[in-house]
Protein backbone atom coordinates (compact mmCIF):
# COMPACT_ATOMS: atom_id res chain seq x y z
CA UNK A 1 8.00 -7.35 -17.17
CA UNK A 2 11.35 -9.01 -16.36
CA UNK A 3 11.54 -10.15 -12.81
CA UNK A 4 14.56 -12.46 -13.29
CA UNK A 5 16.66 -10.30 -10.72
CA UNK A 6 13.80 -9.99 -8.19
CA UNK A 7 14.21 -11.54 -4.78
CA UNK A 8 11.52 -13.56 -2.90
CA UNK A 9 10.38 -13.07 0.71
CA UNK A 10 10.48 -9.39 1.83
CA UNK A 11 11.19 -8.31 -1.72
CA UNK A 12 7.86 -9.88 -2.92
CA UNK A 13 9.32 -11.09 -6.15
CA UNK A 14 9.48 -7.50 -7.39
CA UNK A 15 12.80 -5.88 -6.42
CA UNK A 16 16.12 -6.75 -4.95
CA UNK A 17 18.61 -4.98 -2.58
CA UNK A 18 20.31 -3.23 -5.58
CA UNK A 19 17.26 -1.79 -7.31
CA UNK A 20 15.11 -0.99 -4.26
CA UNK A 21 14.42 2.65 -4.49
CA UNK A 22 15.48 3.15 -8.07
CA UNK A 23 13.15 5.57 -9.97
CA UNK A 24 13.43 3.35 -13.01
CA UNK A 25 11.27 0.70 -11.14
CA UNK A 26 8.00 2.56 -12.00
CA UNK A 27 6.47 0.94 -9.02
CA UNK A 28 3.54 2.25 -7.08
CA UNK A 29 2.18 -0.07 -4.34
CA UNK A 30 -0.27 0.07 -1.46
CA UNK A 31 1.23 -2.33 1.01
CA UNK A 32 -0.82 -4.35 3.46
CA UNK A 33 1.95 -5.60 5.75
CA UNK A 34 1.76 -8.03 8.60
CA UNK A 35 5.51 -8.35 9.28
CA UNK A 36 7.68 -5.68 10.79
CA UNK A 37 10.85 -5.60 8.65
CA UNK A 38 13.62 -3.43 10.16
CA UNK A 39 15.35 -3.28 6.69
CA UNK A 40 12.41 -1.31 5.33
CA UNK A 41 11.84 0.72 8.48
CA UNK A 42 8.30 -0.65 8.99
CA UNK A 43 6.32 1.05 11.82
CA UNK A 44 5.00 -2.19 13.23
CA UNK A 45 3.62 -5.65 12.13
CA UNK A 46 0.18 -4.35 11.19
CA UNK A 47 0.35 -1.39 8.86
CA UNK A 48 -0.71 0.05 5.53
CA UNK A 49 1.99 1.77 3.51
CA UNK A 50 2.29 3.73 0.30
CA UNK A 51 5.36 2.70 -1.57
CA UNK A 52 6.93 4.40 -4.61
CA UNK A 53 9.81 2.64 -6.49
CA UNK A 54 10.75 0.93 -3.16
CA UNK A 55 9.58 -1.46 -0.56
CA UNK A 56 10.37 1.23 2.08
CA UNK A 57 7.05 3.04 2.54
CA UNK A 58 6.91 6.73 1.76
CA UNK A 59 4.18 6.93 4.47
CA UNK A 60 2.59 4.24 6.73
CA UNK A 61 -0.47 4.10 8.89
CA UNK A 62 -2.25 1.70 11.25
CA UNK A 63 -5.25 0.17 9.52
CA UNK A 64 -8.50 1.65 10.80
CA UNK A 65 -12.00 2.07 9.44
CA UNK A 66 -15.01 4.24 10.35
CA UNK A 67 -17.87 2.03 11.49
CA UNK A 68 -20.99 3.95 10.45
CA UNK A 69 -23.12 1.70 12.82
CA UNK A 70 -21.26 2.49 16.01
CA UNK A 71 -19.97 5.86 14.90
CA UNK A 72 -16.50 4.89 15.95
CA UNK A 73 -13.07 4.66 14.29
CA UNK A 74 -12.18 0.97 14.67
CA UNK A 75 -8.80 -0.75 14.45
CA UNK A 76 -8.41 -3.49 11.85
CA UNK A 77 -6.14 -6.41 12.02
CA UNK A 78 -4.67 -7.30 8.66
CA UNK A 79 -3.87 -10.85 9.86
CA UNK A 80 -7.35 -11.76 11.30
CA UNK A 81 -8.19 -13.90 8.29
CA UNK A 82 -11.37 -11.90 7.64
CA UNK A 83 -12.09 -10.64 4.12
CA UNK A 84 -11.51 -6.88 3.67
CA UNK A 85 -11.64 -4.40 0.90
CA UNK A 86 -9.33 -1.58 0.04
CA UNK A 87 -9.96 1.60 -2.05
CA UNK A 88 -7.20 3.44 -3.69
CA UNK A 89 -7.98 6.68 -5.38
CA UNK A 90 -5.57 8.94 -7.22
CA UNK A 91 -6.41 12.43 -8.55
CA UNK A 92 -3.92 13.42 -11.19
CA UNK A 93 -4.94 17.08 -11.04
CA UNK A 94 -4.18 17.38 -7.21
CA UNK A 95 -1.78 14.46 -6.91
CA UNK A 96 -3.80 13.26 -3.94
CA UNK A 97 -3.53 9.58 -3.09
CA UNK A 98 -6.37 8.41 -0.84
CA UNK A 99 -6.52 4.95 0.79
CA UNK A 100 -9.52 3.57 2.64
CA UNK A 101 -10.01 0.14 4.09
CA UNK A 102 -12.92 -1.76 5.72
CA UNK A 103 -14.26 -5.23 6.32
CA UNK A 104 -15.85 -6.84 3.20
CA UNK A 105 -19.47 -5.81 2.72
CA UNK A 106 -19.28 -2.36 4.22
CA UNK A 107 -19.74 0.74 2.07
CA UNK A 108 -16.65 2.72 1.16
CA UNK A 109 -15.83 4.63 4.43
CA UNK A 110 -15.87 8.42 4.55
CA UNK A 111 -12.78 8.11 6.68
CA UNK A 112 -9.67 7.77 4.56
CA UNK A 113 -6.87 5.78 6.12
CA UNK A 114 -4.46 8.23 4.53
CA UNK A 115 -4.37 11.12 2.15
CA UNK A 116 -0.98 12.03 0.87
CA UNK A 117 0.28 13.93 -2.12
CA UNK A 118 2.73 12.61 -4.77
CA UNK A 119 3.07 13.23 -8.48
CA UNK A 120 2.85 9.82 -9.98
CA UNK A 121 3.26 10.97 -13.54
CA UNK A 122 6.97 9.91 -13.59
CA UNK A 123 6.10 6.61 -11.82
CA UNK A 124 3.11 5.29 -13.77
CA UNK A 125 3.99 5.08 -17.42
CA UNK A 126 1.57 4.89 -20.34
CA UNK A 127 1.36 1.21 -20.19
CA UNK A 128 1.01 0.00 -16.57
CA UNK A 129 0.23 -3.30 -14.91
CA UNK A 130 -1.89 -3.85 -11.82
CA UNK A 131 -1.43 -6.98 -9.69
CA UNK A 132 -1.11 -8.50 -6.23
CA UNK A 133 2.13 -9.94 -4.70
CA UNK A 134 2.54 -11.61 -1.38
CA UNK A 135 5.25 -13.37 0.55
């Protein structure tokens, strides 16, 4: 709850160069990133990442969604100024993290942007806070 040492800009007011990657951060984030930051090894300037205790993504993907009307997998620009929705599901039994994204108003896509495995029991403590941050 103390962000007095957090840096703005690419550190999103959450971390700083000294604590980025520290397991004591207890930080789980799904990053919607429109800036390619070499410092965090971003894949490009339009990606979704899963971040654990760090602003360097554990895994990153280009945002895509399955359009049930056309039957196609469509690219999605995170900076197109159009509303979108994101679903993040975590299964504590299997440790699966699923992320799906689509334009606002579409049903939750069957296609998952990513499915990855990570045991979040050491990351998410009994008391956890959910929020949004931007820079």
